[in-house]
N, C-alpha and C. Protein backbone atom coordinates (compact mmCIF):
# COMPACT_ATOMS: atom_id res chain seq x y z
N MET A 1 0.37 -23.38 31.55
CA MET A 1 -0.59 -22.30 31.38
C MET A 1 -0.17 -21.37 30.23
N GLN A 2 1.14 -21.07 30.15
CA GLN A 2 1.62 -20.20 29.09
C GLN A 2 1.43 -20.84 27.72
N HIS A 3 1.68 -22.14 27.63
CA HIS A 3 1.52 -22.83 26.35
C HIS A 3 0.06 -22.81 25.91
N MET A 4 -0.83 -22.97 26.85
CA MET A 4 -2.26 -22.93 26.53
C MET A 4 -2.67 -21.54 26.05
N TYR A 5 -2.15 -20.49 26.71
CA TYR A 5 -2.46 -19.12 26.31
C TYR A 5 -1.99 -18.85 24.88
N PHE A 6 -0.73 -19.21 24.59
CA PHE A 6 -0.22 -18.96 23.24
C PHE A 6 -0.95 -19.80 22.20
N PHE A 7 -1.34 -21.01 22.54
CA PHE A 7 -2.10 -21.83 21.60
C PHE A 7 -3.46 -21.21 21.30
N ILE A 8 -4.14 -20.75 22.34
CA ILE A 8 -5.47 -20.16 22.14
C ILE A 8 -5.39 -18.86 21.34
N THR A 9 -4.44 -17.99 21.69
CA THR A 9 -4.33 -16.72 20.95
C THR A 9 -3.89 -16.96 19.51
N THR A 10 -3.02 -17.93 19.28
CA THR A 10 -2.62 -18.25 17.91
C THR A 10 -3.78 -18.85 17.14
N ALA A 11 -4.64 -19.61 17.79
CA ALA A 11 -5.81 -20.18 17.12
C ALA A 11 -6.86 -19.11 16.81
N ILE A 12 -6.97 -18.11 17.68
CA ILE A 12 -7.96 -17.04 17.48
C ILE A 12 -7.48 -16.00 16.46
N LEU A 13 -6.16 -15.86 16.29
CA LEU A 13 -5.59 -14.82 15.45
C LEU A 13 -6.15 -14.77 14.02
N PRO A 14 -6.27 -15.88 13.28
CA PRO A 14 -6.81 -15.76 11.91
C PRO A 14 -8.24 -15.23 11.87
N PHE A 15 -9.06 -15.62 12.81
CA PHE A 15 -10.44 -15.14 12.84
C PHE A 15 -10.51 -13.66 13.21
N PHE A 16 -9.65 -13.25 14.13
CA PHE A 16 -9.59 -11.84 14.52
C PHE A 16 -9.08 -10.99 13.36
N ARG A 17 -8.11 -11.52 12.59
CA ARG A 17 -7.59 -10.79 11.43
C ARG A 17 -8.66 -10.62 10.36
N LEU A 18 -9.50 -11.63 10.17
CA LEU A 18 -10.59 -11.51 9.19
C LEU A 18 -11.63 -10.49 9.64
N LYS A 19 -11.88 -10.43 10.93
CA LYS A 19 -12.89 -9.51 11.47
C LYS A 19 -12.40 -8.07 11.45
N HIS A 20 -11.13 -7.84 11.74
CA HIS A 20 -10.56 -6.49 11.83
C HIS A 20 -9.40 -6.36 10.84
N GLN A 21 -9.69 -6.38 9.56
CA GLN A 21 -8.64 -6.34 8.54
C GLN A 21 -7.87 -5.03 8.52
N SER A 22 -8.54 -3.94 8.84
CA SER A 22 -7.85 -2.64 8.78
C SER A 22 -6.78 -2.51 9.86
N TRP A 23 -6.87 -3.31 10.91
CA TRP A 23 -5.84 -3.27 11.96
C TRP A 23 -4.56 -3.96 11.50
N PHE A 24 -4.66 -4.90 10.58
CA PHE A 24 -3.53 -5.72 10.20
C PHE A 24 -3.01 -5.45 8.79
N ILE A 25 -3.84 -4.91 7.92
CA ILE A 25 -3.45 -4.71 6.52
C ILE A 25 -3.47 -3.22 6.20
N SER A 26 -2.40 -2.77 5.57
CA SER A 26 -2.31 -1.37 5.17
C SER A 26 -3.06 -1.18 3.85
N ASP A 27 -3.96 -0.23 3.83
CA ASP A 27 -4.71 0.04 2.60
C ASP A 27 -4.61 1.52 2.22
N GLY A 28 -3.43 2.06 2.39
CA GLY A 28 -3.23 3.47 2.07
C GLY A 28 -3.04 3.69 0.58
N GLU A 29 -2.81 4.92 0.23
CA GLU A 29 -2.57 5.26 -1.17
C GLU A 29 -1.22 4.70 -1.60
N PRO A 30 -1.11 4.32 -2.85
CA PRO A 30 0.17 3.78 -3.31
C PRO A 30 1.26 4.84 -3.27
N VAL A 31 2.45 4.41 -2.95
CA VAL A 31 3.59 5.31 -2.87
C VAL A 31 4.13 5.52 -4.29
N VAL A 32 4.31 6.78 -4.67
CA VAL A 32 4.81 7.12 -5.99
C VAL A 32 6.16 7.79 -5.82
N SER A 33 7.16 7.30 -6.54
CA SER A 33 8.50 7.85 -6.40
C SER A 33 8.58 9.21 -7.10
N TYR A 34 9.63 9.93 -6.78
CA TYR A 34 9.82 11.24 -7.41
C TYR A 34 10.09 11.10 -8.89
N LYS A 35 10.68 9.98 -9.31
CA LYS A 35 10.93 9.75 -10.74
C LYS A 35 9.61 9.60 -11.50
N GLN A 36 8.69 8.83 -10.93
CA GLN A 36 7.40 8.64 -11.59
C GLN A 36 6.62 9.94 -11.63
N LYS A 37 6.67 10.72 -10.54
CA LYS A 37 5.99 12.03 -10.53
C LYS A 37 6.59 12.95 -11.59
N ALA A 38 7.92 12.96 -11.71
CA ALA A 38 8.57 13.80 -12.71
C ALA A 38 8.20 13.37 -14.12
N LEU A 39 8.11 12.07 -14.36
CA LEU A 39 7.73 11.59 -15.69
C LEU A 39 6.29 11.96 -16.01
N GLU A 40 5.40 11.86 -15.03
CA GLU A 40 4.00 12.24 -15.26
C GLU A 40 3.89 13.74 -15.53
N LEU A 41 4.62 14.57 -14.77
CA LEU A 41 4.61 16.01 -15.03
C LEU A 41 5.18 16.34 -16.40
N HIS A 42 6.22 15.61 -16.81
CA HIS A 42 6.81 15.81 -18.13
C HIS A 42 5.79 15.49 -19.22
N HIS A 43 5.06 14.40 -19.07
CA HIS A 43 4.03 14.04 -20.07
C HIS A 43 2.90 15.05 -20.09
N GLN A 44 2.51 15.55 -18.90
CA GLN A 44 1.47 16.59 -18.88
C GLN A 44 1.95 17.85 -19.57
N ASP A 45 3.19 18.22 -19.33
CA ASP A 45 3.75 19.41 -19.96
C ASP A 45 3.80 19.25 -21.48
N LEU A 46 4.20 18.08 -21.93
CA LEU A 46 4.24 17.84 -23.37
C LEU A 46 2.84 17.87 -23.98
N ALA A 47 1.89 17.29 -23.29
CA ALA A 47 0.53 17.25 -23.82
C ALA A 47 -0.09 18.65 -23.87
N GLN A 48 0.26 19.53 -22.93
CA GLN A 48 -0.38 20.84 -22.88
C GLN A 48 0.35 21.90 -23.71
N ASN A 49 1.66 21.84 -23.79
CA ASN A 49 2.41 22.97 -24.34
C ASN A 49 3.21 22.69 -25.61
N HIS A 50 3.50 21.47 -25.90
CA HIS A 50 4.39 21.17 -27.01
C HIS A 50 3.60 20.66 -28.22
N LYS A 51 2.77 21.47 -28.77
CA LYS A 51 1.98 21.12 -29.95
C LYS A 51 2.63 21.71 -31.20
N ASP A 52 2.39 21.06 -32.31
CA ASP A 52 2.88 21.50 -33.61
C ASP A 52 4.38 21.73 -33.61
N ARG A 53 5.11 20.81 -33.06
CA ARG A 53 6.56 20.86 -33.08
C ARG A 53 7.10 19.59 -33.70
N LYS A 54 8.38 19.41 -33.60
CA LYS A 54 9.02 18.23 -34.16
C LYS A 54 8.42 16.97 -33.53
N TRP A 55 8.25 15.96 -34.32
CA TRP A 55 7.69 14.65 -33.94
C TRP A 55 6.21 14.71 -33.61
N THR A 56 5.50 15.70 -34.05
CA THR A 56 4.07 15.74 -33.77
C THR A 56 3.30 15.46 -35.05
N SER A 57 2.15 14.87 -34.89
CA SER A 57 1.23 14.66 -36.01
C SER A 57 -0.17 14.92 -35.48
N ASN A 58 -0.83 15.89 -36.04
CA ASN A 58 -2.19 16.27 -35.63
C ASN A 58 -2.25 16.63 -34.14
N GLY A 59 -1.24 17.29 -33.62
CA GLY A 59 -1.25 17.74 -32.24
C GLY A 59 -0.94 16.67 -31.22
N VAL A 60 -0.58 15.47 -31.66
CA VAL A 60 -0.26 14.39 -30.72
C VAL A 60 1.26 14.28 -30.65
N TYR A 61 1.76 14.30 -29.45
CA TYR A 61 3.21 14.27 -29.27
C TYR A 61 3.73 12.84 -29.29
N THR A 62 4.67 12.56 -30.14
CA THR A 62 5.34 11.27 -30.15
C THR A 62 6.83 11.52 -30.27
N ASN A 63 7.57 10.91 -29.43
CA ASN A 63 9.02 11.07 -29.42
C ASN A 63 9.65 9.70 -29.61
N PRO A 64 10.31 9.46 -30.73
CA PRO A 64 10.89 8.13 -30.95
C PRO A 64 12.05 7.82 -30.01
N TYR A 65 12.60 8.84 -29.36
CA TYR A 65 13.73 8.62 -28.47
C TYR A 65 13.33 8.43 -27.02
N GLU A 66 12.03 8.53 -26.73
CA GLU A 66 11.58 8.33 -25.36
C GLU A 66 11.53 6.84 -25.06
N TYR A 67 11.58 6.52 -23.77
CA TYR A 67 11.54 5.12 -23.38
C TYR A 67 10.23 4.49 -23.83
N THR A 68 10.25 3.20 -24.06
CA THR A 68 9.05 2.52 -24.52
C THR A 68 8.05 2.27 -23.40
N SER A 69 8.49 2.35 -22.16
CA SER A 69 7.60 2.13 -21.02
C SER A 69 7.11 3.47 -20.49
N VAL A 70 5.85 3.50 -20.05
CA VAL A 70 5.30 4.73 -19.48
C VAL A 70 5.62 4.86 -18.00
N ASP A 71 6.18 3.81 -17.41
CA ASP A 71 6.54 3.82 -15.99
C ASP A 71 8.07 3.83 -15.85
N THR A 72 8.53 4.36 -14.75
CA THR A 72 9.96 4.35 -14.47
C THR A 72 10.33 3.03 -13.81
N MET A 73 11.60 2.71 -13.88
CA MET A 73 12.10 1.51 -13.22
C MET A 73 12.46 1.87 -11.79
N SER A 74 11.48 1.84 -10.92
CA SER A 74 11.70 2.20 -9.52
C SER A 74 10.98 1.21 -8.62
N HIS A 75 11.12 1.44 -7.36
CA HIS A 75 10.55 0.53 -6.36
C HIS A 75 9.35 1.18 -5.68
N ASP A 76 8.42 1.71 -6.46
CA ASP A 76 7.27 2.42 -5.90
C ASP A 76 6.43 1.52 -5.00
N ASN A 77 5.96 0.42 -5.54
CA ASN A 77 5.03 -0.44 -4.80
C ASN A 77 5.74 -1.33 -3.80
N MET A 78 7.06 -1.45 -3.91
CA MET A 78 7.78 -2.31 -2.97
C MET A 78 7.75 -1.73 -1.56
N SER A 79 7.88 -0.42 -1.43
CA SER A 79 7.86 0.16 -0.09
C SER A 79 6.47 0.02 0.54
N GLU A 80 5.43 0.14 -0.27
CA GLU A 80 4.08 -0.05 0.26
C GLU A 80 3.89 -1.50 0.71
N TRP A 81 4.40 -2.45 -0.07
CA TRP A 81 4.28 -3.86 0.26
C TRP A 81 5.06 -4.17 1.54
N LEU A 82 6.27 -3.64 1.67
CA LEU A 82 7.06 -3.87 2.87
C LEU A 82 6.38 -3.29 4.11
N TYR A 83 5.77 -2.10 3.97
CA TYR A 83 5.05 -1.51 5.09
C TYR A 83 3.87 -2.39 5.49
N SER A 84 3.16 -2.91 4.51
CA SER A 84 2.00 -3.76 4.80
C SER A 84 2.44 -5.05 5.50
N VAL A 85 3.52 -5.66 5.05
CA VAL A 85 4.02 -6.89 5.68
C VAL A 85 4.50 -6.60 7.09
N ALA A 86 5.24 -5.51 7.26
CA ALA A 86 5.75 -5.16 8.60
C ALA A 86 4.60 -4.88 9.56
N LYS A 87 3.58 -4.16 9.11
CA LYS A 87 2.43 -3.87 9.96
C LYS A 87 1.71 -5.16 10.34
N SER A 88 1.55 -6.06 9.38
CA SER A 88 0.87 -7.32 9.65
C SER A 88 1.63 -8.17 10.66
N VAL A 89 2.95 -8.25 10.50
CA VAL A 89 3.75 -9.07 11.42
C VAL A 89 3.76 -8.46 12.82
N ILE A 90 3.95 -7.16 12.91
CA ILE A 90 4.00 -6.51 14.23
C ILE A 90 2.66 -6.63 14.94
N MET A 91 1.57 -6.39 14.23
CA MET A 91 0.26 -6.49 14.86
C MET A 91 -0.06 -7.94 15.26
N SER A 92 0.39 -8.91 14.47
CA SER A 92 0.16 -10.31 14.84
C SER A 92 0.93 -10.68 16.10
N VAL A 93 2.18 -10.22 16.20
CA VAL A 93 2.97 -10.51 17.40
C VAL A 93 2.35 -9.81 18.62
N LEU A 94 1.93 -8.56 18.43
CA LEU A 94 1.28 -7.86 19.55
C LEU A 94 -0.01 -8.57 19.97
N PHE A 95 -0.76 -9.09 18.99
CA PHE A 95 -1.99 -9.79 19.33
C PHE A 95 -1.69 -11.06 20.11
N ILE A 96 -0.65 -11.77 19.73
CA ILE A 96 -0.31 -13.01 20.44
C ILE A 96 0.08 -12.70 21.89
N PHE A 97 0.83 -11.63 22.09
CA PHE A 97 1.26 -11.30 23.45
C PHE A 97 0.17 -10.60 24.28
N PHE A 98 -0.64 -9.76 23.62
CA PHE A 98 -1.66 -8.99 24.34
C PHE A 98 -3.06 -9.28 23.79
N GLY A 99 -3.36 -10.54 23.55
CA GLY A 99 -4.62 -10.95 22.95
C GLY A 99 -5.86 -10.49 23.68
N PRO A 100 -5.95 -10.65 24.99
CA PRO A 100 -7.16 -10.23 25.70
C PRO A 100 -7.44 -8.73 25.56
N ILE A 101 -6.39 -7.92 25.53
CA ILE A 101 -6.59 -6.47 25.36
C ILE A 101 -7.18 -6.17 24.00
N PHE A 102 -6.68 -6.85 22.95
CA PHE A 102 -7.22 -6.66 21.60
C PHE A 102 -8.68 -7.08 21.53
N ILE A 103 -9.01 -8.18 22.16
CA ILE A 103 -10.39 -8.66 22.12
C ILE A 103 -11.32 -7.69 22.84
N VAL A 104 -10.90 -7.16 23.98
CA VAL A 104 -11.71 -6.18 24.70
C VAL A 104 -11.89 -4.91 23.87
N ILE A 105 -10.81 -4.45 23.22
CA ILE A 105 -10.92 -3.26 22.36
C ILE A 105 -11.85 -3.53 21.19
N GLY A 106 -11.76 -4.71 20.59
CA GLY A 106 -12.65 -5.07 19.49
C GLY A 106 -14.11 -5.09 19.89
N ILE A 107 -14.40 -5.64 21.07
CA ILE A 107 -15.78 -5.66 21.56
C ILE A 107 -16.26 -4.24 21.86
N TYR A 108 -15.38 -3.41 22.45
CA TYR A 108 -15.73 -2.03 22.76
C TYR A 108 -16.03 -1.24 21.48
N VAL A 109 -15.21 -1.42 20.45
CA VAL A 109 -15.44 -0.73 19.18
C VAL A 109 -16.74 -1.20 18.53
N LYS A 110 -17.03 -2.49 18.64
CA LYS A 110 -18.24 -3.03 18.05
C LYS A 110 -19.49 -2.46 18.71
N TYR A 111 -19.51 -2.41 20.03
CA TYR A 111 -20.71 -1.93 20.73
C TYR A 111 -20.80 -0.42 20.77
N LYS A 112 -19.68 0.28 20.59
CA LYS A 112 -19.72 1.74 20.58
C LYS A 112 -20.36 2.26 19.28
N SER A 113 -20.11 1.56 18.17
CA SER A 113 -20.66 2.03 16.89
C SER A 113 -21.97 1.42 16.53
């Protein structure tokens, strides 16, 4: 009986994931590190206040000593990706163990709205 239950819930899981994607996939705002925020604030400050100074031409700031990349070397999107994978795995395991409860909640949400 247990093998049949786990087989059925594992077979239903992909279809349930397609129907209720927000339960399994994180779609929040991207995580921005403090380094990237500081670099963006620095560029805003340069664009607003540092006109007609060294390394400027026609009010455009160019610094030959600045890094060639506009992004910092950080792990901004990695933490968001890890959170999404962890949420997906945990919700999938919970669905396999408590499948009937998830199905009842899904039907209730569908008919309530």
